[in-house]
Amino acid sequence: MRFFRRLPFQTKLIVSLILVIVLTTVLGYLLIHTAINRAFSDFAKHSMGNQDQVFRQMLVEYYARTGSWDGLDRLFLRNRDLLPFVVADANGIIVSAPQFHLVGHKLSRSDLAAGLPIVVGGETVGTLLSRRALKLRDPIEKHFLGTVTVSLWISAVIVSLIGILLSIFLFRQLTGPLKRLNAAAGDIARGDLSSRVKVHSQDELGHLAESFNEMAASLQKSEQAKRRMIADVSHELRTPISVVRTGLEAMRDGLLEA
């Protein structure tokens, strides 16, 4: 804080404006990014419709026909990345998933609770979970959200740069009159009472410049009046002094008696 206090007003103003612009831009980015992610998730959820029910029925028929989950993962081998669901067996072990490395992993109870049970013959033989239940995204979603994120960052940088440039322009508009006012005040302090500040606006800074010029004019008039008074007094005193001096010289020369 002490370091900030020692900075020139110009630097303080620029740093403050840049901080406000950057913080506002980052906050706006976070809000927009969060809103887009939420809206996209809702859209994807609604677009899925009742696919989970249809897919669960397919899994019920598959298990009823084969009696196990063996070979299930091979059915989706070609379109694994587009698979919208994760399938776990009765023990919570993943038997089919969009990412191959997930196959064989055991899901927690909280994960299983978010899925749909697969019931065959009155017995729960597995669980169907959507990608979103496990916070997984397909390549299309990743590409879309990645593109949106990059676009938001580019927009944020552009907006920040424009804001900084506008701030610098406005800063110069504000500090220019103050610099001229400071220079004129220095001239008056050095005795140049004729120094004035040009008024370029009718705002508060313009009114300040006008007040300064009025003050300088008043000081100049006071100085001129003082000089005239001194000159008049000197003139008035010059004649009596001359008479006295002449008398003293005459007395010195013996022309007048003391």
Protein backbone atom coordinates (compact mmCIF):
# COMPACT_ATOMS: atom_id res chain seq x y z
CA MET A 1 0.00 0.00 0.00
CA ARG A 2 2.85 2.41 0.80
CA PHE A 3 4.43 1.64 -2.54
CA PHE A 4 1.14 2.45 -4.28
CA ARG A 5 0.92 5.76 -2.42
CA ARG A 6 4.35 6.76 -3.67
CA LEU A 7 3.41 6.22 -7.30
CA PRO A 8 2.60 9.25 -9.46
CA PHE A 9 -1.07 10.03 -9.99
CA GLN A 10 -0.70 9.10 -13.66
CA THR A 11 0.54 5.60 -12.80
CA LYS A 12 -2.09 5.12 -10.09
CA LEU A 13 -4.90 6.00 -12.46
CA ILE A 14 -3.64 3.75 -15.26
CA VAL A 15 -3.05 0.79 -12.93
CA SER A 16 -6.49 1.24 -11.34
CA LEU A 17 -8.24 1.36 -14.71
CA ILE A 18 -6.36 -1.71 -15.98
CA LEU A 19 -7.22 -3.67 -12.83
CA VAL A 20 -10.90 -2.77 -13.14
CA ILE A 21 -10.94 -3.77 -16.82
CA VAL A 22 -9.12 -7.07 -16.26
CA LEU A 23 -11.22 -8.07 -13.25
CA THR A 24 -14.46 -7.16 -15.02
CA THR A 25 -13.42 -9.08 -18.14
CA VAL A 26 -12.41 -12.19 -16.17
CA LEU A 27 -15.64 -12.09 -14.17
CA GLY A 28 -17.66 -11.71 -17.35
CA TYR A 29 -15.78 -14.62 -18.94
CA LEU A 30 -16.45 -16.87 -15.95
CA LEU A 31 -20.14 -16.00 -15.87
CA ILE A 32 -20.61 -16.50 -19.61
CA HIS A 33 -18.58 -19.72 -19.63
CA THR A 34 -20.60 -21.12 -16.73
CA ALA A 35 -23.87 -20.13 -18.38
CA ILE A 36 -22.87 -21.73 -21.70
CA ASN A 37 -21.81 -24.97 -20.00
CA ARG A 38 -25.05 -25.12 -18.07
CA ALA A 39 -27.17 -24.34 -21.12
CA PHE A 40 -25.28 -26.90 -23.20
CA SER A 41 -25.74 -29.55 -20.52
CA ASP A 42 -29.47 -28.85 -20.37
CA PHE A 43 -29.69 -28.97 -24.15
CA ALA A 44 -27.82 -32.25 -24.33
CA LYS A 45 -29.96 -33.68 -21.55
CA HIS A 46 -33.19 -32.77 -23.31
CA SER A 47 -31.87 -33.91 -26.68
CA MET A 48 -31.22 -37.34 -25.20
CA GLY A 49 -34.95 -37.59 -24.55
CA ASN A 50 -35.84 -41.14 -23.54
CA GLN A 51 -32.75 -42.70 -25.09
CA ASP A 52 -31.67 -43.98 -21.70
CA GLN A 53 -34.88 -45.99 -21.36
CA VAL A 54 -34.55 -47.36 -24.89
CA PHE A 55 -30.91 -48.25 -24.33
CA ARG A 56 -31.70 -49.91 -20.99
CA GLN A 57 -34.33 -52.07 -22.69
CA MET A 58 -31.74 -53.11 -25.28
CA LEU A 59 -29.37 -54.07 -22.48
CA VAL A 60 -32.12 -56.05 -20.71
CA GLU A 61 -32.76 -57.99 -23.91
CA TYR A 62 -29.03 -58.54 -24.45
CA TYR A 63 -28.49 -59.91 -20.95
CA ALA A 64 -31.63 -62.05 -21.12
CA ARG A 65 -30.33 -63.55 -24.36
CA THR A 66 -26.68 -64.09 -23.39
CA GLY A 67 -26.91 -64.44 -19.62
CA SER A 68 -23.86 -62.21 -19.09
CA TRP A 69 -22.18 -59.01 -20.20
CA ASP A 70 -19.48 -60.83 -22.10
CA GLY A 71 -18.99 -59.36 -25.55
CA LEU A 72 -21.04 -56.24 -24.82
CA ASP A 73 -18.09 -53.93 -25.15
CA ARG A 74 -17.22 -55.33 -28.59
CA LEU A 75 -20.64 -54.28 -29.90
CA PHE A 76 -19.70 -50.63 -29.45
CA LEU A 77 -16.07 -50.96 -30.45
CA ARG A 78 -16.39 -49.00 -33.71
CA ASN A 79 -18.41 -46.13 -32.21
CA ARG A 80 -17.02 -46.23 -28.70
CA ASP A 81 -16.37 -42.45 -28.55
CA LEU A 82 -20.00 -41.71 -29.42
CA LEU A 83 -21.42 -44.14 -26.86
CA PRO A 84 -23.66 -41.98 -24.65
CA PHE A 85 -23.73 -44.38 -21.71
CA VAL A 86 -21.58 -46.35 -19.30
CA VAL A 87 -22.64 -49.88 -18.34
CA ALA A 88 -21.59 -51.52 -15.07
CA ASP A 89 -22.29 -55.08 -13.94
CA ALA A 90 -23.98 -56.15 -10.71
CA ASN A 91 -20.75 -55.57 -8.79
CA GLY A 92 -20.37 -52.01 -10.08
CA ILE A 93 -17.51 -52.87 -12.43
CA ILE A 94 -17.63 -51.07 -15.78
CA VAL A 95 -18.12 -53.47 -18.69
CA SER A 96 -18.63 -50.88 -21.45
CA ALA A 97 -17.69 -47.20 -21.61
CA PRO A 98 -16.82 -44.47 -24.14
CA GLN A 99 -13.22 -44.46 -22.89
CA PHE A 100 -11.59 -47.89 -23.06
CA HIS A 101 -9.41 -47.24 -20.00
CA LEU A 102 -12.56 -47.02 -17.85
CA VAL A 103 -13.52 -50.62 -18.58
CA GLY A 104 -12.76 -52.76 -15.52
CA HIS A 105 -12.92 -49.89 -13.04
CA LYS A 106 -15.24 -50.22 -10.07
CA LEU A 107 -17.78 -47.44 -9.54
CA SER A 108 -18.61 -45.99 -6.16
CA ARG A 109 -22.03 -46.30 -4.55
CA SER A 110 -22.74 -42.62 -5.20
CA ASP A 111 -22.00 -43.10 -8.91
CA LEU A 112 -24.20 -46.19 -9.10
CA ALA A 113 -27.01 -44.35 -7.30
CA ALA A 114 -27.07 -41.80 -10.15
CA GLY A 115 -27.71 -44.51 -12.76
CA LEU A 116 -30.62 -46.66 -13.90
CA PRO A 117 -30.71 -50.25 -12.62
CA ILE A 118 -30.87 -53.00 -15.26
CA VAL A 119 -33.29 -55.64 -14.00
CA VAL A 120 -33.64 -59.07 -15.62
CA GLY A 121 -35.95 -61.65 -14.10
CA GLY A 122 -36.42 -59.56 -10.97
CA GLU A 123 -32.67 -59.41 -10.37
CA THR A 124 -30.48 -56.33 -10.77
CA VAL A 125 -27.74 -57.41 -13.14
CA GLY A 126 -26.19 -54.05 -13.86
CA THR A 127 -26.46 -50.27 -13.93
CA LEU A 128 -26.77 -47.87 -16.82
CA LEU A 129 -25.17 -44.44 -16.32
CA SER A 130 -25.12 -41.49 -18.66
CA ARG A 131 -21.90 -39.72 -19.55
CA ARG A 132 -22.98 -36.76 -17.47
CA ALA A 133 -23.44 -38.85 -14.36
CA LEU A 134 -19.70 -39.55 -14.55
CA LYS A 135 -18.88 -36.08 -15.94
CA LEU A 136 -17.73 -37.49 -19.27
CA ARG A 137 -18.11 -35.67 -22.59
CA ASP A 138 -18.06 -37.00 -26.12
CA PRO A 139 -15.65 -35.59 -28.75
CA ILE A 140 -18.32 -33.37 -30.31
CA GLU A 141 -19.12 -31.78 -26.96
CA LYS A 142 -15.45 -31.34 -26.17
CA HIS A 143 -14.81 -29.71 -29.54
CA PHE A 144 -17.80 -27.40 -29.16
CA LEU A 145 -16.96 -26.33 -25.63
CA GLY A 146 -13.28 -26.01 -26.52
CA THR A 147 -14.14 -23.74 -29.44
CA VAL A 148 -16.43 -21.67 -27.22
CA THR A 149 -13.75 -21.39 -24.54
CA VAL A 150 -11.11 -20.23 -27.03
CA SER A 151 -13.55 -17.75 -28.56
CA LEU A 152 -14.40 -16.38 -25.14
CA TRP A 153 -10.73 -15.96 -24.25
CA ILE A 154 -10.00 -14.21 -27.54
CA SER A 155 -13.01 -11.95 -27.03
CA ALA A 156 -11.92 -11.23 -23.46
CA VAL A 157 -8.41 -10.29 -24.58
CA ILE A 158 -9.73 -8.05 -27.37
CA VAL A 159 -12.20 -6.36 -25.04
CA SER A 160 -9.46 -5.85 -22.45
CA LEU A 161 -7.10 -4.31 -25.00
CA ILE A 162 -9.81 -2.00 -26.32
CA GLY A 163 -10.71 -1.02 -22.77
CA ILE A 164 -7.08 -0.32 -21.90
CA LEU A 165 -6.56 1.80 -25.03
CA LEU A 166 -9.74 3.77 -24.32
CA SER A 167 -8.63 4.20 -20.72
CA ILE A 168 -5.27 5.57 -21.81
CA PHE A 169 -7.02 7.98 -24.18
CA LEU A 170 -9.41 9.14 -21.46
CA PHE A 171 -6.52 9.36 -19.01
CA ARG A 172 -4.69 11.73 -21.32
CA GLN A 173 -7.83 13.80 -21.69
CA LEU A 174 -8.01 14.06 -17.91
CA THR A 175 -4.36 14.59 -17.06
CA GLY A 176 -3.53 16.93 -19.97
CA PRO A 177 -5.33 19.93 -18.41
CA LEU A 178 -3.86 19.08 -15.01
CA LYS A 179 -0.33 19.10 -16.45
CA ARG A 180 -0.95 22.47 -18.11
CA LEU A 181 -2.40 23.79 -14.87
CA ASN A 182 0.63 22.56 -12.94
CA ALA A 183 3.00 24.21 -15.45
CA ALA A 184 1.13 27.53 -15.21
CA ALA A 185 1.20 27.35 -11.41
CA GLY A 186 4.96 26.85 -11.58
CA ASP A 187 5.31 29.93 -13.81
CA ILE A 188 3.35 32.04 -11.34
CA ALA A 189 5.44 30.71 -8.46
CA ARG A 190 8.54 31.92 -10.35
CA GLY A 191 7.02 35.39 -10.76
CA ASP A 192 5.47 35.17 -14.22
CA LEU A 193 1.97 36.39 -13.39
CA SER A 194 1.02 36.59 -17.07
CA SER A 195 0.88 32.79 -17.39
CA ARG A 196 -2.56 31.42 -18.24
CA VAL A 197 -4.15 28.02 -18.94
CA LYS A 198 -6.04 27.42 -22.17
CA VAL A 199 -9.60 26.26 -21.57
CA HIS A 200 -10.61 23.41 -23.90
CA SER A 201 -13.77 22.16 -22.19
CA GLN A 202 -16.73 23.25 -20.12
CA ASP A 203 -16.54 20.44 -17.56
CA GLU A 204 -15.10 20.52 -14.05
CA LEU A 205 -11.54 20.71 -15.37
CA GLY A 206 -12.54 23.60 -17.63
CA HIS A 207 -14.10 25.43 -14.68
CA LEU A 208 -10.95 24.79 -12.66
CA ALA A 209 -8.82 26.29 -15.44
CA GLU A 210 -11.09 29.34 -15.61
CA SER A 211 -10.86 29.82 -11.84
CA PHE A 212 -7.09 29.53 -12.04
CA ASN A 213 -6.94 32.14 -14.81
CA GLU A 214 -9.15 34.48 -12.78
CA MET A 215 -6.88 34.02 -9.77
CA ALA A 216 -3.78 34.68 -11.89
CA ALA A 217 -5.38 37.81 -13.38
CA SER A 218 -6.28 39.04 -9.89
CA LEU A 219 -2.72 38.47 -8.69
CA GLN A 220 -1.36 40.29 -11.74
CA LYS A 221 -3.67 43.26 -11.12
CA SER A 222 -2.65 43.35 -7.45
CA GLU A 223 1.02 43.28 -8.42
CA GLN A 224 0.51 46.07 -10.95
CA ALA A 225 -1.40 48.16 -8.38
CA LYS A 226 1.38 47.63 -5.86
CA ARG A 227 4.00 48.76 -8.35
CA ARG A 228 1.97 51.86 -9.25
CA MET A 229 1.56 52.71 -5.59
CA ILE A 230 5.28 52.35 -4.98
CA ALA A 231 6.00 54.54 -8.01
CA ASP A 232 3.53 57.20 -6.83
CA VAL A 233 4.90 57.21 -3.30
CA SER A 234 8.43 57.46 -4.64
CA HIS A 235 7.42 60.39 -6.82
CA GLU A 236 5.67 62.14 -3.95
CA LEU A 237 8.66 61.69 -1.70
CA ARG A 238 11.18 62.74 -4.32
CA THR A 239 10.30 66.54 -4.19
CA PRO A 240 10.52 67.03 -0.38
CA ILE A 241 13.72 65.06 -0.28
CA SER A 242 15.17 67.20 -3.06
CA VAL A 243 14.27 70.39 -1.15
CA VAL A 244 15.86 69.12 2.04
CA ARG A 245 18.97 68.00 0.18
CA THR A 246 19.26 71.41 -1.53
CA GLY A 247 18.93 73.18 1.83
CA LEU A 248 21.57 70.99 3.41
CA GLU A 249 23.96 71.62 0.54
CA ALA A 250 23.35 75.38 0.82
CA MET A 251 24.03 75.31 4.55
CA ARG A 252 27.18 73.32 3.91
CA ASP A 253 28.35 75.89 1.40
CA GLY A 254 27.56 78.75 3.80
CA LEU A 255 24.83 80.15 1.68
CA LEU A 256 22.34 79.65 4.45
CA GLU A 257 22.75 80.02 8.14
CA ALA A 258 21.96 77.04 10.24
